[in-house]
Amino acid sequence: MVFLTVSAAQAATFTNPLNYTSVIDLLGGILASIRSWIAVVAIIFLIIGGLMYMMSAGNEKMITRAKGTIGASMIGLAIAIAAPTFLKELLSILGGTGGTNAQSLVNNALTVQQIAFNVLRFLLSIVGVIGIIGLVSGGTFYLTAYGDEKRIDKGKSIVTYSIIGIVISLAALLLVKQIMNLLGA
């Protein structure tokens, strides 16, 4: 009977072709790659929509298809860009400290009240961004009306409703805080 012995110097080593050390790193790389491809495809369809619009020659059906293509590509691009930020915000609402370690959620467990305030803060930030967009678009309508009464009225109403939405949101925040103070929470 012959035994084959291998010394430490002759041991076989394999290099990691993926350059990832954990499953979390691999999934993060895959998601980043998918996000890159989504952005490229969205930009391609944005260009295709622009070409369709230019070649429509006044055909309403082609113009509608071109606008739909451009709109869908912009929505896809916005989702691809905003998804990581949204997930990080969701992690911070639930009390995570960042990174990809789910154990941080368990270690930093928040009360229901803290999670509710984090959700409220997140929703108010969204309302603030939408309100600012409304103010800018309403101002743009108003400034580019060139005497057109319909556009002037539309611009005024957009600005008015944006301000009303911001005021109601801030009033809701104050109301919730006052009720929580009265309840002693």
N, C-alpha and C. Protein backbone atom coordinates (compact mmCIF):
# COMPACT_ATOMS: atom_id res chain seq x y z
N MET A 1 0.84 -1.16 0.00
CA MET A 1 0.00 0.00 0.00
C MET A 1 0.90 1.24 0.00
N VAL A 2 0.63 2.17 -0.92
CA VAL A 2 1.44 3.37 -1.05
C VAL A 2 0.59 4.58 -0.67
N PHE A 3 1.11 5.39 0.21
CA PHE A 3 0.42 6.62 0.59
C PHE A 3 1.10 7.80 -0.07
N LEU A 4 0.28 8.70 -0.56
CA LEU A 4 0.82 9.89 -1.21
C LEU A 4 0.80 11.01 -0.18
N THR A 5 1.90 11.59 0.05
CA THR A 5 1.96 12.70 1.00
C THR A 5 2.26 13.97 0.24
N VAL A 6 1.60 15.03 0.67
CA VAL A 6 1.77 16.32 0.03
C VAL A 6 2.27 17.28 1.09
N SER A 7 3.32 17.95 0.77
CA SER A 7 3.84 18.92 1.74
C SER A 7 3.05 20.23 1.61
N ALA A 8 3.23 21.10 2.60
CA ALA A 8 2.53 22.39 2.61
C ALA A 8 2.93 23.24 1.42
N ALA A 9 4.11 23.08 0.93
CA ALA A 9 4.57 23.89 -0.21
C ALA A 9 3.88 23.45 -1.49
N GLN A 10 3.39 22.24 -1.54
CA GLN A 10 2.75 21.73 -2.74
C GLN A 10 1.23 21.83 -2.69
N ALA A 11 0.66 22.40 -1.66
CA ALA A 11 -0.79 22.48 -1.51
C ALA A 11 -1.38 23.34 -2.62
N ALA A 12 -2.53 22.93 -3.10
CA ALA A 12 -3.20 23.64 -4.18
C ALA A 12 -3.93 24.85 -3.62
N THR A 13 -3.82 25.95 -4.29
CA THR A 13 -4.56 27.16 -3.89
C THR A 13 -5.40 27.62 -5.07
N PHE A 14 -6.54 28.14 -4.73
CA PHE A 14 -7.45 28.65 -5.74
C PHE A 14 -7.71 30.11 -5.46
N THR A 15 -7.71 30.91 -6.50
CA THR A 15 -8.04 32.32 -6.32
C THR A 15 -9.54 32.51 -6.54
N ASN A 16 -10.09 33.48 -5.87
CA ASN A 16 -11.51 33.78 -5.96
C ASN A 16 -11.74 34.59 -7.24
N PRO A 17 -12.40 34.03 -8.24
CA PRO A 17 -12.59 34.77 -9.49
C PRO A 17 -13.61 35.91 -9.38
N LEU A 18 -14.45 35.86 -8.36
CA LEU A 18 -15.49 36.88 -8.22
C LEU A 18 -15.04 38.07 -7.38
N ASN A 19 -13.99 37.92 -6.60
CA ASN A 19 -13.48 38.97 -5.72
C ASN A 19 -14.50 39.40 -4.66
N TYR A 20 -15.41 38.52 -4.27
CA TYR A 20 -16.35 38.78 -3.20
C TYR A 20 -16.05 37.80 -2.07
N THR A 21 -16.12 38.28 -0.85
CA THR A 21 -15.78 37.42 0.29
C THR A 21 -17.01 36.88 1.02
N SER A 22 -18.20 37.41 0.74
CA SER A 22 -19.40 36.92 1.39
C SER A 22 -20.57 36.98 0.42
N VAL A 23 -21.64 36.33 0.81
CA VAL A 23 -22.85 36.32 -0.02
C VAL A 23 -23.43 37.73 -0.10
N ILE A 24 -23.36 38.48 1.02
CA ILE A 24 -23.88 39.85 1.04
C ILE A 24 -23.12 40.71 0.04
N ASP A 25 -21.78 40.56 -0.01
CA ASP A 25 -20.99 41.33 -0.98
C ASP A 25 -21.35 40.93 -2.41
N LEU A 26 -21.56 39.64 -2.65
CA LEU A 26 -21.95 39.16 -3.98
C LEU A 26 -23.29 39.74 -4.39
N LEU A 27 -24.28 39.70 -3.49
CA LEU A 27 -25.60 40.25 -3.81
C LEU A 27 -25.53 41.76 -4.03
N GLY A 28 -24.71 42.45 -3.24
CA GLY A 28 -24.53 43.89 -3.45
C GLY A 28 -23.93 44.18 -4.81
N GLY A 29 -22.97 43.38 -5.23
CA GLY A 29 -22.37 43.55 -6.56
C GLY A 29 -23.36 43.28 -7.67
N ILE A 30 -24.18 42.24 -7.49
CA ILE A 30 -25.20 41.92 -8.49
C ILE A 30 -26.21 43.06 -8.59
N LEU A 31 -26.66 43.58 -7.44
CA LEU A 31 -27.61 44.68 -7.46
C LEU A 31 -27.03 45.93 -8.10
N ALA A 32 -25.77 46.22 -7.82
CA ALA A 32 -25.13 47.39 -8.45
C ALA A 32 -25.04 47.20 -9.96
N SER A 33 -24.75 45.97 -10.39
CA SER A 33 -24.67 45.68 -11.81
C SER A 33 -26.03 45.80 -12.48
N ILE A 34 -27.07 45.29 -11.82
CA ILE A 34 -28.43 45.41 -12.37
C ILE A 34 -28.84 46.87 -12.47
N ARG A 35 -28.51 47.65 -11.42
CA ARG A 35 -28.85 49.07 -11.43
C ARG A 35 -28.16 49.79 -12.59
N SER A 36 -26.91 49.41 -12.85
CA SER A 36 -26.19 50.02 -13.98
C SER A 36 -26.86 49.68 -15.31
N TRP A 37 -27.26 48.43 -15.46
CA TRP A 37 -27.92 48.02 -16.70
C TRP A 37 -29.27 48.71 -16.86
N ILE A 38 -30.00 48.87 -15.77
CA ILE A 38 -31.29 49.57 -15.85
C ILE A 38 -31.07 51.01 -16.31
N ALA A 39 -30.04 51.65 -15.78
CA ALA A 39 -29.75 53.03 -16.17
C ALA A 39 -29.39 53.11 -17.65
N VAL A 40 -28.59 52.17 -18.13
CA VAL A 40 -28.20 52.17 -19.54
C VAL A 40 -29.42 51.95 -20.43
N VAL A 41 -30.26 50.98 -20.07
CA VAL A 41 -31.47 50.70 -20.87
C VAL A 41 -32.41 51.89 -20.86
N ALA A 42 -32.56 52.54 -19.70
CA ALA A 42 -33.43 53.71 -19.61
C ALA A 42 -32.93 54.83 -20.51
N ILE A 43 -31.63 55.05 -20.53
CA ILE A 43 -31.06 56.10 -21.38
C ILE A 43 -31.25 55.76 -22.86
N ILE A 44 -31.08 54.48 -23.21
CA ILE A 44 -31.31 54.06 -24.60
C ILE A 44 -32.75 54.33 -25.01
N PHE A 45 -33.71 53.98 -24.13
CA PHE A 45 -35.11 54.21 -24.47
C PHE A 45 -35.46 55.70 -24.46
N LEU A 46 -34.76 56.48 -23.68
CA LEU A 46 -34.93 57.93 -23.72
C LEU A 46 -34.51 58.47 -25.08
N ILE A 47 -33.41 57.98 -25.58
CA ILE A 47 -32.95 58.39 -26.91
C ILE A 47 -33.91 57.90 -27.99
N ILE A 48 -34.40 56.67 -27.86
CA ILE A 48 -35.36 56.15 -28.83
C ILE A 48 -36.63 56.99 -28.82
N GLY A 49 -37.10 57.37 -27.63
CA GLY A 49 -38.29 58.22 -27.53
C GLY A 49 -38.07 59.57 -28.19
N GLY A 50 -36.87 60.13 -28.02
CA GLY A 50 -36.55 61.40 -28.68
C GLY A 50 -36.54 61.25 -30.19
N LEU A 51 -35.98 60.15 -30.67
CA LEU A 51 -35.97 59.90 -32.13
C LEU A 51 -37.40 59.70 -32.65
N MET A 52 -38.21 58.98 -31.90
CA MET A 52 -39.60 58.79 -32.31
C MET A 52 -40.33 60.13 -32.38
N TYR A 53 -40.05 60.99 -31.43
CA TYR A 53 -40.69 62.30 -31.40
C TYR A 53 -40.25 63.14 -32.59
N MET A 54 -38.96 63.08 -32.91
CA MET A 54 -38.46 63.87 -34.04
C MET A 54 -38.99 63.35 -35.37
N MET A 55 -39.18 62.05 -35.48
CA MET A 55 -39.60 61.46 -36.75
C MET A 55 -41.12 61.34 -36.87
N SER A 56 -41.86 61.84 -35.90
CA SER A 56 -43.31 61.70 -35.94
C SER A 56 -43.96 62.53 -37.03
N ALA A 57 -43.37 63.61 -37.41
CA ALA A 57 -43.87 64.49 -38.48
C ALA A 57 -45.32 64.92 -38.22
N GLY A 58 -45.63 65.18 -36.96
CA GLY A 58 -46.96 65.68 -36.64
C GLY A 58 -48.00 64.61 -36.43
N ASN A 59 -47.66 63.34 -36.60
CA ASN A 59 -48.59 62.24 -36.40
C ASN A 59 -48.87 62.11 -34.89
N GLU A 60 -50.11 62.34 -34.48
CA GLU A 60 -50.47 62.35 -33.06
C GLU A 60 -50.22 61.01 -32.39
N LYS A 61 -50.47 59.91 -33.11
CA LYS A 61 -50.26 58.59 -32.54
C LYS A 61 -48.77 58.37 -32.24
N MET A 62 -47.91 58.78 -33.14
CA MET A 62 -46.47 58.64 -32.93
C MET A 62 -45.99 59.57 -31.81
N ILE A 63 -46.54 60.78 -31.74
CA ILE A 63 -46.15 61.70 -30.68
C ILE A 63 -46.55 61.13 -29.32
N THR A 64 -47.74 60.54 -29.23
CA THR A 64 -48.20 59.94 -27.99
C THR A 64 -47.31 58.77 -27.60
N ARG A 65 -46.93 57.94 -28.56
CA ARG A 65 -46.03 56.80 -28.28
C ARG A 65 -44.67 57.30 -27.84
N ALA A 66 -44.18 58.37 -28.48
CA ALA A 66 -42.87 58.92 -28.12
C ALA A 66 -42.90 59.47 -26.69
N LYS A 67 -43.97 60.19 -26.36
CA LYS A 67 -44.09 60.74 -25.00
C LYS A 67 -44.17 59.61 -23.97
N GLY A 68 -44.90 58.55 -24.31
CA GLY A 68 -44.99 57.40 -23.40
C GLY A 68 -43.64 56.73 -23.20
N THR A 69 -42.87 56.60 -24.27
CA THR A 69 -41.55 56.00 -24.18
C THR A 69 -40.62 56.85 -23.33
N ILE A 70 -40.66 58.15 -23.56
CA ILE A 70 -39.81 59.06 -22.78
C ILE A 70 -40.22 59.03 -21.31
N GLY A 71 -41.53 59.08 -21.05
CA GLY A 71 -42.00 59.06 -19.67
C GLY A 71 -41.64 57.78 -18.94
N ALA A 72 -41.82 56.64 -19.60
CA ALA A 72 -41.50 55.36 -18.97
C ALA A 72 -40.00 55.23 -18.71
N SER A 73 -39.19 55.70 -19.63
CA SER A 73 -37.74 55.62 -19.42
C SER A 73 -37.30 56.52 -18.29
N MET A 74 -37.92 57.69 -18.16
CA MET A 74 -37.57 58.59 -17.05
C MET A 74 -37.99 57.99 -15.71
N ILE A 75 -39.15 57.35 -15.67
CA ILE A 75 -39.60 56.70 -14.44
C ILE A 75 -38.65 55.56 -14.06
N GLY A 76 -38.27 54.76 -15.04
CA GLY A 76 -37.32 53.67 -14.77
C GLY A 76 -35.98 54.18 -14.28
N LEU A 77 -35.50 55.25 -14.90
CA LEU A 77 -34.23 55.83 -14.47
C LEU A 77 -34.34 56.38 -13.06
N ALA A 78 -35.44 57.04 -12.75
CA ALA A 78 -35.63 57.59 -11.40
C ALA A 78 -35.69 56.48 -10.36
N ILE A 79 -36.35 55.39 -10.68
CA ILE A 79 -36.42 54.26 -9.74
C ILE A 79 -35.04 53.65 -9.54
N ALA A 80 -34.29 53.48 -10.62
CA ALA A 80 -32.95 52.90 -10.50
C ALA A 80 -32.03 53.78 -9.67
N ILE A 81 -32.17 55.09 -9.79
CA ILE A 81 -31.32 56.00 -9.03
C ILE A 81 -31.77 56.09 -7.57
N ALA A 82 -33.08 56.09 -7.34
CA ALA A 82 -33.61 56.32 -5.99
C ALA A 82 -33.68 55.07 -5.13
N ALA A 83 -33.63 53.89 -5.71
CA ALA A 83 -33.82 52.66 -4.93
C ALA A 83 -32.81 52.50 -3.79
N PRO A 84 -31.51 52.69 -3.99
CA PRO A 84 -30.59 52.51 -2.86
C PRO A 84 -30.83 53.52 -1.74
N THR A 85 -31.14 54.75 -2.11
CA THR A 85 -31.41 55.77 -1.10
C THR A 85 -32.67 55.41 -0.31
N PHE A 86 -33.69 54.92 -1.00
CA PHE A 86 -34.92 54.53 -0.33
C PHE A 86 -34.67 53.39 0.65
N LEU A 87 -33.86 52.41 0.25
CA LEU A 87 -33.58 51.28 1.13
C LEU A 87 -32.76 51.72 2.35
N LYS A 88 -31.82 52.64 2.16
CA LYS A 88 -31.04 53.15 3.29
C LYS A 88 -31.95 53.92 4.25
N GLU A 89 -32.88 54.68 3.71
CA GLU A 89 -33.81 55.43 4.57
C GLU A 89 -34.72 54.47 5.33
N LEU A 90 -35.16 53.41 4.68
CA LEU A 90 -35.98 52.41 5.35
C LEU A 90 -35.20 51.75 6.49
N LEU A 91 -33.93 51.48 6.26
CA LEU A 91 -33.08 50.90 7.30
C LEU A 91 -32.93 51.86 8.47
N SER A 92 -32.76 53.15 8.19
CA SER A 92 -32.62 54.11 9.29
C SER A 92 -33.94 54.31 10.03
N ILE A 93 -35.07 54.20 9.35
CA ILE A 93 -36.37 54.29 10.03
C ILE A 93 -36.53 53.17 11.04
N LEU A 94 -36.07 51.99 10.67
CA LEU A 94 -36.21 50.83 11.55
C LEU A 94 -35.11 50.75 12.59
N GLY A 95 -34.15 51.67 12.55
CA GLY A 95 -33.12 51.75 13.60
C GLY A 95 -31.82 51.10 13.25
N GLY A 96 -31.61 50.74 12.01
CA GLY A 96 -30.33 50.16 11.61
C GLY A 96 -29.25 51.22 11.57
N THR A 97 -28.02 50.78 11.77
CA THR A 97 -26.91 51.73 11.79
C THR A 97 -26.23 51.86 10.45
N GLY A 98 -26.69 51.14 9.46
CA GLY A 98 -26.09 51.23 8.14
C GLY A 98 -25.42 49.93 7.77
N GLY A 99 -24.86 49.90 6.61
CA GLY A 99 -24.22 48.69 6.13
C GLY A 99 -25.26 47.68 5.70
N THR A 100 -24.82 46.44 5.62
CA THR A 100 -25.72 45.38 5.18
C THR A 100 -25.97 44.36 6.27
N ASN A 101 -25.54 44.64 7.49
CA ASN A 101 -25.69 43.70 8.57
C ASN A 101 -27.07 43.82 9.20
N ALA A 102 -27.87 42.78 9.06
CA ALA A 102 -29.21 42.80 9.63
C ALA A 102 -29.19 42.72 11.15
N GLN A 103 -28.07 42.29 11.71
CA GLN A 103 -27.95 42.20 13.17
C GLN A 103 -28.03 43.59 13.81
N SER A 104 -27.68 44.64 13.05
CA SER A 104 -27.75 46.00 13.61
C SER A 104 -29.20 46.38 13.92
N LEU A 105 -30.17 45.81 13.20
CA LEU A 105 -31.57 46.08 13.51
C LEU A 105 -31.96 45.45 14.85
N VAL A 106 -31.43 44.27 15.13
CA VAL A 106 -31.74 43.60 16.38
C VAL A 106 -31.04 44.29 17.54
N ASN A 107 -29.79 44.70 17.35
CA ASN A 107 -29.03 45.33 18.41
C ASN A 107 -29.58 46.71 18.77
N ASN A 108 -30.13 47.42 17.80
CA ASN A 108 -30.63 48.78 18.02
C ASN A 108 -32.15 48.82 17.92
N ALA A 109 -32.82 47.89 18.55
CA ALA A 109 -34.28 47.81 18.45
C ALA A 109 -34.91 49.11 18.96
N LEU A 110 -35.81 49.67 18.16
CA LEU A 110 -36.49 50.91 18.51
C LEU A 110 -37.88 50.61 19.05
N THR A 111 -38.40 51.56 19.79
CA THR A 111 -39.78 51.43 20.25
C THR A 111 -40.71 51.79 19.10
N VAL A 112 -41.97 51.45 19.26
CA VAL A 112 -42.96 51.76 18.23
C VAL A 112 -43.06 53.27 18.05
N GLN A 113 -42.96 54.02 19.16
CA GLN A 113 -43.03 55.47 19.08
C GLN A 113 -41.87 56.03 18.27
N GLN A 114 -40.66 55.52 18.47
CA GLN A 114 -39.51 55.99 17.71
C GLN A 114 -39.65 55.67 16.22
N ILE A 115 -40.15 54.48 15.93
CA ILE A 115 -40.36 54.11 14.52
C ILE A 115 -41.43 55.01 13.91
N ALA A 116 -42.50 55.30 14.65
CA ALA A 116 -43.55 56.17 14.15
C ALA A 116 -43.01 57.57 13.85
N PHE A 117 -42.17 58.11 14.74
CA PHE A 117 -41.58 59.42 14.49
C PHE A 117 -40.62 59.40 13.30
N ASN A 118 -39.89 58.29 13.14
CA ASN A 118 -39.00 58.17 11.98
C ASN A 118 -39.81 58.13 10.68
N VAL A 119 -40.92 57.40 10.70
CA VAL A 119 -41.80 57.36 9.52
C VAL A 119 -42.36 58.74 9.24
N LEU A 120 -42.79 59.43 10.29
CA LEU A 120 -43.34 60.78 10.13
C LEU A 120 -42.29 61.72 9.56
N ARG A 121 -41.06 61.62 10.05
CA ARG A 121 -39.96 62.46 9.53
C ARG A 121 -39.71 62.17 8.06
N PHE A 122 -39.73 60.88 7.70
CA PHE A 122 -39.52 60.49 6.31
C PHE A 122 -40.63 61.03 5.42
N LEU A 123 -41.88 60.88 5.86
CA LEU A 123 -43.00 61.36 5.06
C LEU A 123 -42.97 62.89 4.93
N LEU A 124 -42.60 63.57 6.00
CA LEU A 124 -42.50 65.03 5.92
C LEU A 124 -41.39 65.48 4.98
N SER A 125 -40.31 64.72 4.92
CA SER A 125 -39.25 65.08 3.97
C SER A 125 -39.74 64.90 2.54
N ILE A 126 -40.54 63.85 2.31
CA ILE A 126 -41.11 63.65 0.97
C ILE A 126 -42.07 64.79 0.63
N VAL A 127 -42.92 65.17 1.60
CA VAL A 127 -43.85 66.28 1.38
C VAL A 127 -43.07 67.57 1.09
N GLY A 128 -41.97 67.78 1.80
CA GLY A 128 -41.16 68.96 1.57
C GLY A 128 -40.58 69.00 0.17
N VAL A 129 -40.07 67.87 -0.29
CA VAL A 129 -39.51 67.81 -1.64
C VAL A 129 -40.59 68.04 -2.69
N ILE A 130 -41.74 67.38 -2.51
CA ILE A 130 -42.84 67.56 -3.46
C ILE A 130 -43.35 69.00 -3.42
N GLY A 131 -43.40 69.59 -2.22
CA GLY A 131 -43.82 70.98 -2.09
C GLY A 131 -42.88 71.93 -2.83
N ILE A 132 -41.59 71.71 -2.69
CA ILE A 132 -40.62 72.56 -3.40
C ILE A 132 -40.74 72.38 -4.90
N ILE A 133 -40.92 71.14 -5.34
CA ILE A 133 -41.12 70.90 -6.78
C ILE A 133 -42.38 71.61 -7.25
N GLY A 134 -43.45 71.55 -6.45
CA GLY A 134 -44.69 72.25 -6.80
C GLY A 134 -44.50 73.75 -6.88
N LEU A 135 -43.77 74.31 -5.92
CA LEU A 135 -43.51 75.75 -5.94
C LEU A 135 -42.71 76.16 -7.18
N VAL A 136 -41.70 75.37 -7.52
CA VAL A 136 -40.88 75.69 -8.69
C VAL A 136 -41.69 75.54 -9.98
N SER A 137 -42.47 74.44 -10.09
CA SER A 137 -43.24 74.27 -11.33
C SER A 137 -44.35 75.31 -11.44
N GLY A 138 -44.99 75.65 -10.32
CA GLY A 138 -46.02 76.70 -10.36
C GLY A 138 -45.43 78.05 -10.74
N GLY A 139 -44.26 78.35 -10.18
CA GLY A 139 -43.58 79.58 -10.55
C GLY A 139 -43.17 79.60 -12.01
N THR A 140 -42.76 78.45 -12.53
CA THR A 140 -42.41 78.36 -13.94
C THR A 140 -43.62 78.59 -14.82
N PHE A 141 -44.75 77.98 -14.46
CA PHE A 141 -45.99 78.21 -15.20
C PHE A 141 -46.34 79.70 -15.21
N TYR A 142 -46.22 80.31 -14.04
CA TYR A 142 -46.59 81.71 -13.92
C TYR A 142 -45.65 82.61 -14.73
N LEU A 143 -44.35 82.32 -14.65
CA LEU A 143 -43.38 83.18 -15.33
C LEU A 143 -43.38 83.00 -16.85
N THR A 144 -43.78 81.83 -17.32
CA THR A 144 -43.78 81.58 -18.76
C THR A 144 -45.17 81.69 -19.37
N ALA A 145 -46.10 82.31 -18.67
CA ALA A 145 -47.47 82.41 -19.16
C ALA A 145 -47.59 83.38 -20.33
N TYR A 146 -46.79 84.42 -20.37
CA TYR A 146 -46.81 85.40 -21.44
C TYR A 146 -48.21 85.97 -21.68
N GLY A 147 -48.93 86.24 -20.58
CA GLY A 147 -50.25 86.85 -20.70
C GLY A 147 -51.39 85.87 -20.85
N ASP A 148 -51.10 84.58 -20.97
CA ASP A 148 -52.15 83.56 -21.09
C ASP A 148 -52.80 83.36 -19.72
N GLU A 149 -54.07 83.76 -19.61
CA GLU A 149 -54.76 83.73 -18.31
C GLU A 149 -54.88 82.31 -17.75
N LYS A 150 -55.04 81.31 -18.60
CA LYS A 150 -55.16 79.94 -18.12
C LYS A 150 -53.87 79.47 -17.47
N ARG A 151 -52.75 79.80 -18.10
CA ARG A 151 -51.45 79.41 -17.52
C ARG A 151 -51.15 80.19 -16.25
N ILE A 152 -51.54 81.45 -16.21
CA ILE A 152 -51.34 82.24 -15.00
C ILE A 152 -52.15 81.65 -13.85
N ASP A 153 -53.40 81.31 -14.12
CA ASP A 153 -54.25 80.72 -13.09
C ASP A 153 -53.74 79.35 -12.65
N LYS A 154 -53.25 78.58 -13.61
CA LYS A 154 -52.70 77.27 -13.29
C LYS A 154 -51.46 77.41 -12.41
N GLY A 155 -50.59 78.34 -12.75
CA GLY A 155 -49.39 78.58 -11.94
C GLY A 155 -49.74 79.02 -10.53
N LYS A 156 -50.71 79.93 -10.42
CA LYS A 156 -51.14 80.40 -9.10
C LYS A 156 -51.73 79.26 -8.28
N SER A 157 -52.55 78.43 -8.91
CA SER A 157 -53.18 77.34 -8.16
C SER A 157 -52.14 76.30 -7.72
N ILE A 158 -51.14 76.01 -8.55
CA ILE A 158 -50.10 75.06 -8.17
C ILE A 158 -49.33 75.59 -6.96
N VAL A 159 -48.95 76.87 -7.00
CA VAL A 159 -48.23 77.47 -5.87
C VAL A 159 -49.10 77.47 -4.62
N THR A 160 -50.37 77.85 -4.77
CA THR A 160 -51.28 77.90 -3.62
C THR A 160 -51.44 76.53 -2.98
N TYR A 161 -51.69 75.51 -3.79
CA TYR A 161 -51.89 74.18 -3.23
C TYR A 161 -50.60 73.60 -2.66
N SER A 162 -49.46 73.96 -3.22
CA SER A 162 -48.19 73.51 -2.65
C SER A 162 -47.98 74.10 -1.27
N ILE A 163 -48.26 75.38 -1.13
CA ILE A 163 -48.11 76.02 0.18
C ILE A 163 -49.11 75.44 1.18
N ILE A 164 -50.35 75.23 0.75
CA ILE A 164 -51.36 74.64 1.64
C ILE A 164 -50.93 73.24 2.08
N GLY A 165 -50.40 72.44 1.17
CA GLY A 165 -49.93 71.09 1.51
C GLY A 165 -48.80 71.11 2.52
N ILE A 166 -47.85 72.03 2.35
CA ILE A 166 -46.73 72.14 3.29
C ILE A 166 -47.24 72.58 4.66
N VAL A 167 -48.14 73.56 4.70
CA VAL A 167 -48.68 74.04 5.98
C VAL A 167 -49.46 72.95 6.70
N ILE A 168 -50.28 72.20 5.97
CA ILE A 168 -51.06 71.12 6.60
C ILE A 168 -50.12 70.04 7.14
N SER A 169 -49.07 69.72 6.41
CA SER A 169 -48.12 68.70 6.88
C SER A 169 -47.41 69.14 8.15
N LEU A 170 -46.97 70.39 8.17
CA LEU A 170 -46.30 70.88 9.37
C LEU A 170 -47.27 70.98 10.54
N ALA A 171 -48.51 71.36 10.26
CA ALA A 171 -49.52 71.41 11.33
C ALA A 171 -49.80 70.01 11.87
N ALA A 172 -49.81 69.01 11.00
CA ALA A 172 -50.01 67.63 11.45
C ALA A 172 -48.87 67.19 12.35
N LEU A 173 -47.64 67.58 12.01
CA LEU A 173 -46.50 67.24 12.86
C LEU A 173 -46.65 67.88 14.24
N LEU A 174 -47.01 69.15 14.28
CA LEU A 174 -47.20 69.82 15.56
C LEU A 174 -48.33 69.18 16.36
N LEU A 175 -49.40 68.83 15.68
CA LEU A 175 -50.54 68.21 16.35
C LEU A 175 -50.15 66.86 16.96
N VAL A 176 -49.43 66.06 16.21
CA VAL A 176 -49.01 64.75 16.72
C VAL A 176 -48.09 64.92 17.92
N LYS A 177 -47.15 65.85 17.85
CA LYS A 177 -46.23 66.07 18.98
C LYS A 177 -46.99 66.56 20.21
N GLN A 178 -47.96 67.44 20.03
CA GLN A 178 -48.73 67.94 21.17
C GLN A 178 -49.57 66.82 21.79
N ILE A 179 -50.17 66.00 20.98
CA ILE A 179 -50.96 64.88 21.52
C ILE A 179 -50.05 63.90 22.28
N MET A 180 -48.87 63.64 21.73
CA MET A 180 -47.94 62.74 22.41
C MET A 180 -47.49 63.35 23.74
N ASN A 181 -47.29 64.67 23.78
CA ASN A 181 -46.91 65.33 25.04
C ASN A 181 -48.05 65.25 26.06
N LEU A 182 -49.29 65.42 25.60
CA LEU A 182 -50.43 65.34 26.51
C LEU A 182 -50.60 63.93 27.08
N LEU A 183 -50.33 62.94 26.26
CA LEU A 183 -50.45 61.56 26.71
C LEU A 183 -49.26 61.12 27.55
N GLY A 184 -48.23 61.95 27.58
CA GLY A 184 -47.05 61.62 28.38
C GLY A 184 -46.14 60.61 27.75
N ALA A 185 -46.24 60.44 26.47
CA ALA A 185 -45.40 59.46 25.78
C ALA A 185 -44.12 60.09 25.30
